[in-house]
Amino acid sequence: MEYASLIACLGNPGDEYASTRHNFGFMLADAMLEQAAERKSMRLSAVAAGHDCQAWSIHFAGRPRLLVKPLTYMNLSGVVVARLSRTHHIPSADVLTVHDDMDLALGRVKLKRGGSAAGHNGVLSVQNELGASDFLRLRLGVGRPPEGEAPRVYVLEPFGSQELETVRIVVQRCLKGLQTFYRRGMSAAVQELHASPA
């Protein structure tokens, strides 16, 4: 199978991390899989990609794409992403990472290409292992921790019950925004995704 792109949704494996802020990327992957399971046109199928990840072939925005959830824990995400991009001959420019971002408030989303990892260990790992920084990043805001709480503790806490509705809205907006990106390009997608908080 020849894939148009690799969509790497970052998070941590295990039930204890399932609804935490650091797993926002996994939540988007799960929503995409749920959508694909309901739509035969998306041609969902599992891909054997090794013990350190889950991967699927999915027809999204008119092209086959490789959807991946690394199971290495966040700070080693790049090992999986780099291996699969090379195995399937997907250039770094066609890799998209989906991840939480404390620099954005919950409800805010930003799509960007390149730049620094901004302290995100998953993005830094992808950057280091790919040996490139020109990949796309879909940054999902989770906001800053309360004063006195360490960021590493904050991102491993579950979303609050009132926050989960915003998470659901953001995920659906991102699925539509990614469709727009792959069909109409960056400008149209940015306009849609960056428009307003959920």
N, C-alpha and C. Protein backbone atom coordinates (compact mmCIF):
# COMPACT_ATOMS: atom_id res chain seq x y z
N MET A 1 0.84 -1.20 0.00
CA MET A 1 0.00 0.00 0.00
C MET A 1 0.88 1.25 0.00
N GLU A 2 0.56 2.19 -0.85
CA GLU A 2 1.27 3.46 -0.88
C GLU A 2 0.42 4.51 -0.17
N TYR A 3 1.00 5.14 0.85
CA TYR A 3 0.26 6.10 1.66
C TYR A 3 0.63 7.53 1.30
N ALA A 4 -0.38 8.40 1.28
CA ALA A 4 -0.16 9.81 0.97
C ALA A 4 0.45 10.55 2.15
N SER A 5 0.21 10.04 3.36
CA SER A 5 0.74 10.70 4.55
C SER A 5 0.67 9.77 5.74
N LEU A 6 1.38 10.17 6.80
CA LEU A 6 1.36 9.45 8.06
C LEU A 6 0.80 10.39 9.12
N ILE A 7 -0.25 9.96 9.80
CA ILE A 7 -0.86 10.74 10.87
C ILE A 7 -0.50 10.06 12.19
N ALA A 8 0.39 10.68 12.94
CA ALA A 8 0.87 10.10 14.20
C ALA A 8 0.22 10.82 15.38
N CYS A 9 -0.68 10.13 16.06
CA CYS A 9 -1.38 10.70 17.20
C CYS A 9 -0.66 10.27 18.48
N LEU A 10 -0.15 11.23 19.23
CA LEU A 10 0.74 10.93 20.34
C LEU A 10 0.00 10.81 21.67
N GLY A 11 0.52 9.92 22.51
CA GLY A 11 -0.06 9.70 23.84
C GLY A 11 0.73 8.64 24.58
N ASN A 12 0.18 8.17 25.68
CA ASN A 12 0.79 7.11 26.48
C ASN A 12 -0.14 5.91 26.51
N PRO A 13 0.40 4.69 26.41
CA PRO A 13 -0.44 3.50 26.46
C PRO A 13 -0.91 3.18 27.87
N GLY A 14 -2.01 2.44 27.97
CA GLY A 14 -2.49 2.00 29.27
C GLY A 14 -3.75 2.74 29.71
N ASP A 15 -4.63 2.00 30.38
CA ASP A 15 -5.91 2.56 30.81
C ASP A 15 -5.75 3.74 31.75
N GLU A 16 -4.67 3.74 32.55
CA GLU A 16 -4.50 4.82 33.53
C GLU A 16 -4.24 6.18 32.88
N TYR A 17 -3.84 6.17 31.59
CA TYR A 17 -3.56 7.42 30.88
C TYR A 17 -4.67 7.80 29.90
N ALA A 18 -5.68 6.95 29.78
CA ALA A 18 -6.64 7.07 28.68
C ALA A 18 -7.29 8.45 28.54
N SER A 19 -7.67 9.07 29.64
CA SER A 19 -8.39 10.35 29.54
C SER A 19 -7.56 11.52 30.05
N THR A 20 -6.24 11.35 30.05
CA THR A 20 -5.38 12.43 30.53
C THR A 20 -5.11 13.45 29.43
N ARG A 21 -4.65 14.62 29.85
CA ARG A 21 -4.38 15.70 28.90
C ARG A 21 -3.31 15.30 27.88
N HIS A 22 -2.32 14.53 28.32
CA HIS A 22 -1.24 14.11 27.43
C HIS A 22 -1.74 13.16 26.34
N ASN A 23 -2.93 12.62 26.51
CA ASN A 23 -3.47 11.66 25.54
C ASN A 23 -4.49 12.27 24.60
N PHE A 24 -4.48 13.58 24.47
CA PHE A 24 -5.41 14.27 23.57
C PHE A 24 -5.24 13.73 22.14
N GLY A 25 -4.01 13.47 21.74
CA GLY A 25 -3.76 12.92 20.40
C GLY A 25 -4.41 11.57 20.20
N PHE A 26 -4.29 10.69 21.20
CA PHE A 26 -4.93 9.37 21.13
C PHE A 26 -6.44 9.52 21.00
N MET A 27 -7.01 10.52 21.69
CA MET A 27 -8.46 10.73 21.64
C MET A 27 -8.91 11.06 20.22
N LEU A 28 -8.10 11.86 19.52
CA LEU A 28 -8.45 12.18 18.14
C LEU A 28 -8.34 10.94 17.25
N ALA A 29 -7.30 10.12 17.48
CA ALA A 29 -7.16 8.88 16.71
C ALA A 29 -8.37 7.97 16.93
N ASP A 30 -8.81 7.86 18.18
CA ASP A 30 -9.97 7.01 18.49
C ASP A 30 -11.22 7.50 17.79
N ALA A 31 -11.39 8.82 17.73
CA ALA A 31 -12.56 9.39 17.05
C ALA A 31 -12.49 9.13 15.54
N MET A 32 -11.30 9.21 14.97
CA MET A 32 -11.15 8.93 13.55
C MET A 32 -11.44 7.46 13.25
N LEU A 33 -11.00 6.58 14.14
CA LEU A 33 -11.26 5.15 13.96
C LEU A 33 -12.75 4.85 14.09
N GLU A 34 -13.40 5.52 15.02
CA GLU A 34 -14.84 5.34 15.20
C GLU A 34 -15.60 5.78 13.95
N GLN A 35 -15.18 6.92 13.41
CA GLN A 35 -15.79 7.42 12.18
C GLN A 35 -15.57 6.44 11.03
N ALA A 36 -14.35 5.92 10.92
CA ALA A 36 -14.02 5.01 9.83
C ALA A 36 -14.77 3.68 9.95
N ALA A 37 -15.00 3.25 11.18
CA ALA A 37 -15.74 1.99 11.39
C ALA A 37 -17.18 2.10 10.92
N GLU A 38 -17.71 3.33 10.91
CA GLU A 38 -19.10 3.56 10.50
C GLU A 38 -19.23 3.85 9.01
N ARG A 39 -18.11 4.14 8.35
CA ARG A 39 -18.15 4.54 6.94
C ARG A 39 -17.30 3.60 6.09
N LYS A 40 -17.94 2.77 5.33
CA LYS A 40 -17.20 1.81 4.49
C LYS A 40 -16.27 2.51 3.52
N SER A 41 -16.63 3.71 3.11
CA SER A 41 -15.81 4.46 2.15
C SER A 41 -14.42 4.79 2.70
N MET A 42 -14.26 4.72 4.03
CA MET A 42 -12.96 5.04 4.63
C MET A 42 -12.02 3.82 4.65
N ARG A 43 -12.54 2.66 4.30
CA ARG A 43 -11.74 1.45 4.07
C ARG A 43 -10.74 1.17 5.19
N LEU A 44 -11.22 1.14 6.39
CA LEU A 44 -10.38 0.93 7.57
C LEU A 44 -9.85 -0.49 7.63
N SER A 45 -8.55 -0.64 7.85
CA SER A 45 -7.97 -1.96 8.10
C SER A 45 -6.73 -1.81 8.97
N ALA A 46 -6.52 -2.80 9.84
CA ALA A 46 -5.34 -2.78 10.71
C ALA A 46 -4.10 -3.08 9.90
N VAL A 47 -2.98 -2.50 10.32
CA VAL A 47 -1.69 -2.71 9.66
C VAL A 47 -0.73 -3.30 10.68
N ALA A 48 -0.08 -4.40 10.34
CA ALA A 48 0.94 -4.99 11.21
C ALA A 48 2.18 -4.10 11.15
N ALA A 49 2.50 -3.46 12.26
CA ALA A 49 3.58 -2.47 12.25
C ALA A 49 4.55 -2.63 13.42
N GLY A 50 4.45 -3.73 14.15
CA GLY A 50 5.34 -3.96 15.28
C GLY A 50 4.63 -3.88 16.61
N HIS A 51 5.31 -4.38 17.66
CA HIS A 51 4.70 -4.45 18.99
C HIS A 51 4.64 -3.09 19.68
N ASP A 52 5.38 -2.10 19.15
CA ASP A 52 5.49 -0.81 19.83
C ASP A 52 4.52 0.24 19.29
N CYS A 53 3.51 -0.19 18.55
CA CYS A 53 2.52 0.76 18.04
C CYS A 53 1.27 0.03 17.58
N GLN A 54 0.22 0.81 17.36
CA GLN A 54 -0.97 0.34 16.65
C GLN A 54 -1.07 1.18 15.40
N ALA A 55 -1.39 0.54 14.28
CA ALA A 55 -1.44 1.28 13.01
C ALA A 55 -2.59 0.78 12.17
N TRP A 56 -3.14 1.70 11.38
CA TRP A 56 -4.28 1.39 10.52
C TRP A 56 -4.12 2.07 9.17
N SER A 57 -4.62 1.43 8.16
CA SER A 57 -4.77 2.05 6.85
C SER A 57 -6.17 2.63 6.81
N ILE A 58 -6.26 3.89 6.39
CA ILE A 58 -7.55 4.57 6.41
C ILE A 58 -7.64 5.49 5.20
N HIS A 59 -8.76 5.45 4.51
CA HIS A 59 -8.98 6.32 3.36
C HIS A 59 -9.61 7.60 3.89
N PHE A 60 -8.83 8.67 3.93
CA PHE A 60 -9.26 9.91 4.56
C PHE A 60 -8.97 11.07 3.62
N ALA A 61 -9.98 11.89 3.36
CA ALA A 61 -9.86 13.02 2.43
C ALA A 61 -9.37 12.57 1.06
N GLY A 62 -9.93 11.44 0.62
CA GLY A 62 -9.70 11.00 -0.75
C GLY A 62 -8.44 10.21 -1.03
N ARG A 63 -7.59 9.99 0.00
CA ARG A 63 -6.34 9.27 -0.22
C ARG A 63 -6.10 8.27 0.92
N PRO A 64 -5.36 7.19 0.66
CA PRO A 64 -5.00 6.28 1.75
C PRO A 64 -3.95 6.92 2.65
N ARG A 65 -4.15 6.80 3.96
CA ARG A 65 -3.22 7.38 4.92
C ARG A 65 -2.93 6.36 6.02
N LEU A 66 -1.76 6.48 6.61
CA LEU A 66 -1.36 5.58 7.68
C LEU A 66 -1.58 6.29 9.02
N LEU A 67 -2.51 5.78 9.80
CA LEU A 67 -2.83 6.34 11.12
C LEU A 67 -2.10 5.52 12.18
N VAL A 68 -1.38 6.19 13.08
CA VAL A 68 -0.51 5.49 14.02
C VAL A 68 -0.69 6.02 15.44
N LYS A 69 -0.73 5.07 16.41
CA LYS A 69 -0.66 5.40 17.82
C LYS A 69 0.61 4.72 18.38
N PRO A 70 1.69 5.47 18.59
CA PRO A 70 2.88 4.86 19.20
C PRO A 70 2.56 4.38 20.62
N LEU A 71 3.10 3.22 20.99
CA LEU A 71 2.86 2.67 22.32
C LEU A 71 4.14 2.67 23.15
N THR A 72 5.05 3.56 22.80
CA THR A 72 6.39 3.61 23.41
C THR A 72 6.46 4.53 24.62
N TYR A 73 5.37 5.17 24.97
CA TYR A 73 5.33 6.31 25.88
C TYR A 73 5.82 7.53 25.11
N MET A 74 5.35 8.67 25.57
CA MET A 74 5.46 9.92 24.82
C MET A 74 6.88 10.24 24.37
N ASN A 75 7.86 10.12 25.29
CA ASN A 75 9.19 10.63 24.97
C ASN A 75 9.98 9.75 24.00
N LEU A 76 9.39 8.63 23.56
CA LEU A 76 10.04 7.79 22.54
C LEU A 76 9.17 7.65 21.29
N SER A 77 8.18 8.52 21.15
CA SER A 77 7.24 8.45 20.02
C SER A 77 7.96 8.46 18.67
N GLY A 78 9.04 9.20 18.58
CA GLY A 78 9.74 9.36 17.32
C GLY A 78 10.32 8.08 16.76
N VAL A 79 10.63 7.12 17.63
CA VAL A 79 11.18 5.83 17.17
C VAL A 79 10.21 5.16 16.22
N VAL A 80 8.93 5.13 16.61
CA VAL A 80 7.89 4.53 15.78
C VAL A 80 7.64 5.36 14.52
N VAL A 81 7.49 6.66 14.71
CA VAL A 81 7.16 7.54 13.58
C VAL A 81 8.24 7.47 12.51
N ALA A 82 9.49 7.55 12.92
CA ALA A 82 10.60 7.52 11.95
C ALA A 82 10.67 6.17 11.24
N ARG A 83 10.50 5.09 11.99
CA ARG A 83 10.57 3.76 11.36
C ARG A 83 9.48 3.59 10.31
N LEU A 84 8.25 3.99 10.64
CA LEU A 84 7.15 3.79 9.70
C LEU A 84 7.25 4.74 8.51
N SER A 85 7.75 5.94 8.74
CA SER A 85 7.90 6.87 7.61
C SER A 85 8.93 6.33 6.61
N ARG A 86 9.96 5.69 7.12
CA ARG A 86 10.98 5.11 6.23
C ARG A 86 10.50 3.82 5.57
N THR A 87 9.85 2.97 6.36
CA THR A 87 9.35 1.71 5.83
C THR A 87 8.38 1.94 4.68
N HIS A 88 7.53 2.96 4.83
CA HIS A 88 6.49 3.21 3.83
C HIS A 88 6.84 4.37 2.89
N HIS A 89 8.09 4.81 2.95
CA HIS A 89 8.59 5.86 2.03
C HIS A 89 7.73 7.12 2.08
N ILE A 90 7.41 7.53 3.31
CA ILE A 90 6.64 8.75 3.52
C ILE A 90 7.62 9.84 3.97
N PRO A 91 7.84 10.87 3.17
CA PRO A 91 8.80 11.91 3.56
C PRO A 91 8.33 12.67 4.81
N SER A 92 9.28 13.25 5.52
CA SER A 92 8.95 13.95 6.76
C SER A 92 7.92 15.06 6.54
N ALA A 93 7.94 15.68 5.38
CA ALA A 93 6.99 16.76 5.08
C ALA A 93 5.55 16.25 5.01
N ASP A 94 5.37 14.93 4.86
CA ASP A 94 4.03 14.34 4.81
C ASP A 94 3.67 13.62 6.11
N VAL A 95 4.43 13.89 7.15
CA VAL A 95 4.13 13.36 8.49
C VAL A 95 3.40 14.45 9.28
N LEU A 96 2.32 14.06 9.95
CA LEU A 96 1.57 14.97 10.82
C LEU A 96 1.54 14.39 12.23
N THR A 97 1.99 15.16 13.22
CA THR A 97 1.84 14.74 14.61
C THR A 97 0.65 15.46 15.21
N VAL A 98 -0.10 14.76 16.04
CA VAL A 98 -1.25 15.33 16.75
C VAL A 98 -0.96 15.20 18.23
N HIS A 99 -0.93 16.32 18.95
CA HIS A 99 -0.49 16.26 20.34
C HIS A 99 -1.06 17.40 21.18
N ASP A 100 -1.03 17.20 22.49
CA ASP A 100 -1.46 18.22 23.45
C ASP A 100 -0.46 19.37 23.47
N ASP A 101 -0.92 20.55 23.90
CA ASP A 101 -0.05 21.72 23.94
C ASP A 101 -0.48 22.65 25.08
N MET A 102 0.41 22.83 26.05
CA MET A 102 0.09 23.69 27.20
C MET A 102 0.13 25.18 26.87
N ASP A 103 0.73 25.55 25.75
CA ASP A 103 0.80 26.96 25.39
C ASP A 103 -0.51 27.48 24.81
N LEU A 104 -1.46 26.59 24.58
CA LEU A 104 -2.77 26.97 24.06
C LEU A 104 -3.84 26.61 25.08
N ALA A 105 -4.81 27.48 25.23
CA ALA A 105 -5.92 27.19 26.15
C ALA A 105 -6.76 26.04 25.62
N LEU A 106 -7.42 25.33 26.51
CA LEU A 106 -8.33 24.27 26.09
C LEU A 106 -9.39 24.85 25.16
N GLY A 107 -9.59 24.23 24.02
CA GLY A 107 -10.52 24.74 23.02
C GLY A 107 -9.80 25.37 21.83
N ARG A 108 -8.52 25.74 22.04
CA ARG A 108 -7.74 26.32 20.94
C ARG A 108 -6.97 25.22 20.22
N VAL A 109 -6.82 25.41 18.92
CA VAL A 109 -6.11 24.45 18.07
C VAL A 109 -5.22 25.23 17.12
N LYS A 110 -4.04 24.70 16.85
CA LYS A 110 -3.18 25.32 15.84
C LYS A 110 -2.55 24.25 14.97
N LEU A 111 -2.58 24.51 13.67
CA LEU A 111 -1.91 23.65 12.70
C LEU A 111 -0.71 24.43 12.18
N LYS A 112 0.47 23.83 12.27
CA LYS A 112 1.67 24.51 11.80
C LYS A 112 2.64 23.50 11.21
N ARG A 113 3.56 24.02 10.41
CA ARG A 113 4.61 23.18 9.86
C ARG A 113 5.95 23.66 10.42
N GLY A 114 6.75 22.72 10.89
CA GLY A 114 8.09 23.04 11.34
C GLY A 114 8.13 23.80 12.64
N GLY A 115 9.32 24.30 12.96
CA GLY A 115 9.51 25.03 14.20
C GLY A 115 10.12 24.15 15.27
N SER A 116 10.21 24.70 16.48
CA SER A 116 10.81 23.96 17.59
C SER A 116 9.80 23.03 18.22
N ALA A 117 10.29 22.17 19.11
CA ALA A 117 9.40 21.25 19.84
C ALA A 117 8.70 21.96 20.98
N ALA A 118 9.14 23.16 21.33
CA ALA A 118 8.53 23.97 22.39
C ALA A 118 8.37 23.20 23.70
N GLY A 119 9.37 22.36 24.00
CA GLY A 119 9.37 21.64 25.26
C GLY A 119 8.51 20.39 25.31
N HIS A 120 7.89 20.02 24.17
CA HIS A 120 7.05 18.82 24.15
C HIS A 120 7.94 17.62 23.81
N ASN A 121 8.05 16.68 24.75
CA ASN A 121 8.99 15.56 24.58
C ASN A 121 8.62 14.64 23.42
N GLY A 122 7.34 14.49 23.14
CA GLY A 122 6.93 13.65 22.02
C GLY A 122 7.35 14.26 20.69
N VAL A 123 7.12 15.55 20.55
CA VAL A 123 7.50 16.25 19.32
C VAL A 123 9.02 16.27 19.17
N LEU A 124 9.72 16.48 20.28
CA LEU A 124 11.19 16.48 20.25
C LEU A 124 11.72 15.13 19.79
N SER A 125 11.11 14.05 20.28
CA SER A 125 11.52 12.71 19.87
C SER A 125 11.30 12.50 18.38
N VAL A 126 10.16 12.94 17.87
CA VAL A 126 9.88 12.81 16.43
C VAL A 126 10.91 13.60 15.63
N GLN A 127 11.19 14.79 16.08
CA GLN A 127 12.17 15.66 15.40
C GLN A 127 13.55 14.98 15.37
N ASN A 128 13.97 14.47 16.50
CA ASN A 128 15.29 13.83 16.59
C ASN A 128 15.38 12.57 15.74
N GLU A 129 14.36 11.74 15.80
CA GLU A 129 14.41 10.45 15.09
C GLU A 129 14.23 10.62 13.58
N LEU A 130 13.41 11.58 13.17
CA LEU A 130 13.25 11.85 11.73
C LEU A 130 14.48 12.55 11.16
N GLY A 131 15.18 13.27 12.05
CA GLY A 131 16.31 14.08 11.58
C GLY A 131 15.82 15.25 10.74
N ALA A 132 14.62 15.71 11.03
CA ALA A 132 14.01 16.81 10.28
C ALA A 132 12.96 17.49 11.16
N SER A 133 12.65 18.73 10.83
CA SER A 133 11.62 19.45 11.60
C SER A 133 10.51 19.99 10.70
N ASP A 134 10.48 19.55 9.44
CA ASP A 134 9.50 20.09 8.50
C ASP A 134 8.16 19.36 8.53
N PHE A 135 7.97 18.47 9.53
CA PHE A 135 6.69 17.77 9.62
C PHE A 135 5.63 18.71 10.17
N LEU A 136 4.37 18.34 9.96
CA LEU A 136 3.24 19.13 10.43
C LEU A 136 2.90 18.79 11.87
N ARG A 137 2.37 19.77 12.59
CA ARG A 137 1.94 19.54 13.97
C ARG A 137 0.52 20.09 14.13
N LEU A 138 -0.35 19.26 14.63
CA LEU A 138 -1.69 19.71 15.01
C LEU A 138 -1.67 19.81 16.53
N ARG A 139 -1.64 21.04 17.03
CA ARG A 139 -1.47 21.32 18.45
C ARG A 139 -2.83 21.52 19.11
N LEU A 140 -3.13 20.68 20.08
CA LEU A 140 -4.42 20.70 20.76
C LEU A 140 -4.24 21.30 22.15
N GLY A 141 -4.80 22.47 22.38
CA GLY A 141 -4.60 23.17 23.64
C GLY A 141 -5.16 22.45 24.85
N VAL A 142 -4.38 22.45 25.93
CA VAL A 142 -4.86 21.91 27.21
C VAL A 142 -4.72 22.94 28.33
N GLY A 143 -4.11 24.08 28.01
CA GLY A 143 -3.95 25.13 29.00
C GLY A 143 -2.81 24.88 29.96
N ARG A 144 -2.53 25.89 30.77
CA ARG A 144 -1.43 25.83 31.75
C ARG A 144 -1.91 25.28 33.09
N PRO A 145 -1.01 24.61 33.82
CA PRO A 145 -1.40 24.10 35.15
C PRO A 145 -1.65 25.24 36.12
N PRO A 146 -2.44 24.98 37.16
CA PRO A 146 -2.63 25.99 38.20
C PRO A 146 -1.29 26.33 38.85
N GLU A 147 -1.21 27.52 39.42
CA GLU A 147 0.03 27.95 40.06
C GLU A 147 0.46 26.95 41.13
N GLY A 148 1.72 26.55 41.06
CA GLY A 148 2.27 25.62 42.04
C GLY A 148 2.23 24.17 41.62
N GLU A 149 1.53 23.85 40.52
CA GLU A 149 1.47 22.46 40.04
C GLU A 149 2.48 22.27 38.91
N ALA A 150 3.25 21.22 39.00
CA ALA A 150 4.27 20.94 37.99
C ALA A 150 3.61 20.54 36.67
N PRO A 151 4.12 21.05 35.54
CA PRO A 151 3.55 20.70 34.24
C PRO A 151 3.50 19.20 33.99
N ARG A 152 4.53 18.46 34.40
CA ARG A 152 4.56 17.01 34.14
C ARG A 152 3.45 16.28 34.91
N VAL A 153 3.05 16.85 36.04
CA VAL A 153 1.94 16.27 36.80
C VAL A 153 0.62 16.64 36.13
N TYR A 154 0.51 17.88 35.74
CA TYR A 154 -0.72 18.41 35.13
C TYR A 154 -1.11 17.63 33.88
N VAL A 155 -0.16 17.37 32.98
CA VAL A 155 -0.51 16.72 31.71
C VAL A 155 -0.89 15.25 31.90
N LEU A 156 -0.51 14.66 33.04
CA LEU A 156 -0.85 13.27 33.30
C LEU A 156 -2.12 13.12 34.15
N GLU A 157 -2.78 14.25 34.40
CA GLU A 157 -4.07 14.21 35.09
C GLU A 157 -5.19 14.10 34.06
N PRO A 158 -6.30 13.44 34.42
CA PRO A 158 -7.43 13.35 33.49
C PRO A 158 -8.11 14.70 33.31
N PHE A 159 -8.70 14.90 32.14
CA PHE A 159 -9.55 16.07 31.92
C PHE A 159 -10.68 16.05 32.93
N GLY A 160 -11.09 17.23 33.38
CA GLY A 160 -12.24 17.33 34.27
C GLY A 160 -13.53 17.03 33.53
N SER A 161 -14.57 16.69 34.26
CA SER A 161 -15.84 16.32 33.63
C SER A 161 -16.40 17.45 32.77
N GLN A 162 -16.21 18.71 33.20
CA GLN A 162 -16.70 19.83 32.41
C GLN A 162 -15.83 20.09 31.18
N GLU A 163 -14.57 19.69 31.25
CA GLU A 163 -13.66 19.88 30.12
C GLU A 163 -13.92 18.89 28.99
N LEU A 164 -14.47 17.73 29.32
CA LEU A 164 -14.60 16.67 28.33
C LEU A 164 -15.52 17.04 27.17
N GLU A 165 -16.52 17.86 27.42
CA GLU A 165 -17.40 18.30 26.33
C GLU A 165 -16.63 19.18 25.36
N THR A 166 -15.75 20.04 25.88
CA THR A 166 -14.89 20.85 25.02
C THR A 166 -13.95 19.96 24.22
N VAL A 167 -13.40 18.95 24.86
CA VAL A 167 -12.52 17.99 24.18
C VAL A 167 -13.27 17.35 23.01
N ARG A 168 -14.50 16.92 23.25
CA ARG A 168 -15.29 16.28 22.19
C ARG A 168 -15.50 17.22 21.01
N ILE A 169 -15.82 18.48 21.30
CA ILE A 169 -16.05 19.47 20.24
C ILE A 169 -14.76 19.72 19.45
N VAL A 170 -13.64 19.83 20.17
CA VAL A 170 -12.35 20.06 19.52
C VAL A 170 -12.00 18.90 18.59
N VAL A 171 -12.20 17.70 19.06
CA VAL A 171 -11.87 16.52 18.25
C VAL A 171 -12.68 16.52 16.95
N GLN A 172 -13.96 16.80 17.04
CA GLN A 172 -14.80 16.82 15.83
C GLN A 172 -14.38 17.95 14.88
N ARG A 173 -14.03 19.09 15.45
CA ARG A 173 -13.56 20.22 14.63
C ARG A 173 -12.26 19.86 13.93
N CYS A 174 -11.40 19.13 14.62
CA CYS A 174 -10.11 18.74 14.03
C CYS A 174 -10.29 17.73 12.91
N LEU A 175 -11.22 16.81 13.07
CA LEU A 175 -11.48 15.84 11.99
C LEU A 175 -11.93 16.57 10.72
N LYS A 176 -12.79 17.56 10.90
CA LYS A 176 -13.24 18.35 9.74
C LYS A 176 -12.10 19.19 9.19
N GLY A 177 -11.31 19.79 10.09
CA GLY A 177 -10.20 20.62 9.67
C GLY A 177 -9.13 19.86 8.92
N LEU A 178 -8.88 18.61 9.32
CA LEU A 178 -7.89 17.79 8.60
C LEU A 178 -8.41 17.42 7.22
N GLN A 179 -9.70 17.15 7.12
CA GLN A 179 -10.29 16.92 5.79
C GLN A 179 -10.03 18.14 4.90
N THR A 180 -10.27 19.32 5.45
CA THR A 180 -10.05 20.55 4.70
C THR A 180 -8.59 20.70 4.31
N PHE A 181 -7.69 20.42 5.25
CA PHE A 181 -6.25 20.54 4.96
C PHE A 181 -5.85 19.65 3.79
N TYR A 182 -6.22 18.40 3.85
CA TYR A 182 -5.78 17.45 2.82
C TYR A 182 -6.45 17.69 1.48
N ARG A 183 -7.61 18.31 1.50
CA ARG A 183 -8.31 18.57 0.23
C ARG A 183 -8.03 19.96 -0.35
N ARG A 184 -7.85 20.96 0.54
CA ARG A 184 -7.78 22.36 0.06
C ARG A 184 -6.53 23.11 0.50
N GLY A 185 -5.70 22.49 1.34
CA GLY A 185 -4.44 23.12 1.70
C GLY A 185 -4.44 23.83 3.03
N MET A 186 -3.26 24.33 3.38
CA MET A 186 -3.00 24.90 4.70
C MET A 186 -3.85 26.13 5.00
N SER A 187 -3.95 27.07 4.08
CA SER A 187 -4.67 28.33 4.35
C SER A 187 -6.12 28.09 4.75
N ALA A 188 -6.79 27.25 3.98
CA ALA A 188 -8.20 26.96 4.28
C ALA A 188 -8.35 26.25 5.61
N ALA A 189 -7.43 25.33 5.89
CA ALA A 189 -7.49 24.56 7.15
C ALA A 189 -7.23 25.45 8.35
N VAL A 190 -6.23 26.32 8.23
CA VAL A 190 -5.88 27.24 9.31
C VAL A 190 -7.07 28.14 9.64
N GLN A 191 -7.72 28.66 8.62
CA GLN A 191 -8.88 29.53 8.80
C GLN A 191 -9.97 28.79 9.59
N GLU A 192 -10.15 27.53 9.28
CA GLU A 192 -11.19 26.73 9.92
C GLU A 192 -10.79 26.32 11.35
N LEU A 193 -9.56 25.88 11.51
CA LEU A 193 -9.13 25.35 12.80
C LEU A 193 -8.82 26.42 13.83
N HIS A 194 -8.27 27.54 13.37
CA HIS A 194 -7.84 28.58 14.29
C HIS A 194 -8.96 29.58 14.61
N ALA A 195 -10.08 29.42 13.97
CA ALA A 195 -11.14 30.44 14.02
C ALA A 195 -11.53 30.90 15.42
N SER A 196 -11.91 29.96 16.28
CA SER A 196 -12.37 30.35 17.62
C SER A 196 -12.27 29.17 18.55
N PRO A 197 -12.19 29.42 19.85
CA PRO A 197 -12.19 28.31 20.80
C PRO A 197 -13.51 27.55 20.74
N ALA A 198 -13.43 26.29 21.18
CA ALA A 198 -14.66 25.46 21.21
C ALA A 198 -15.63 26.04 22.23
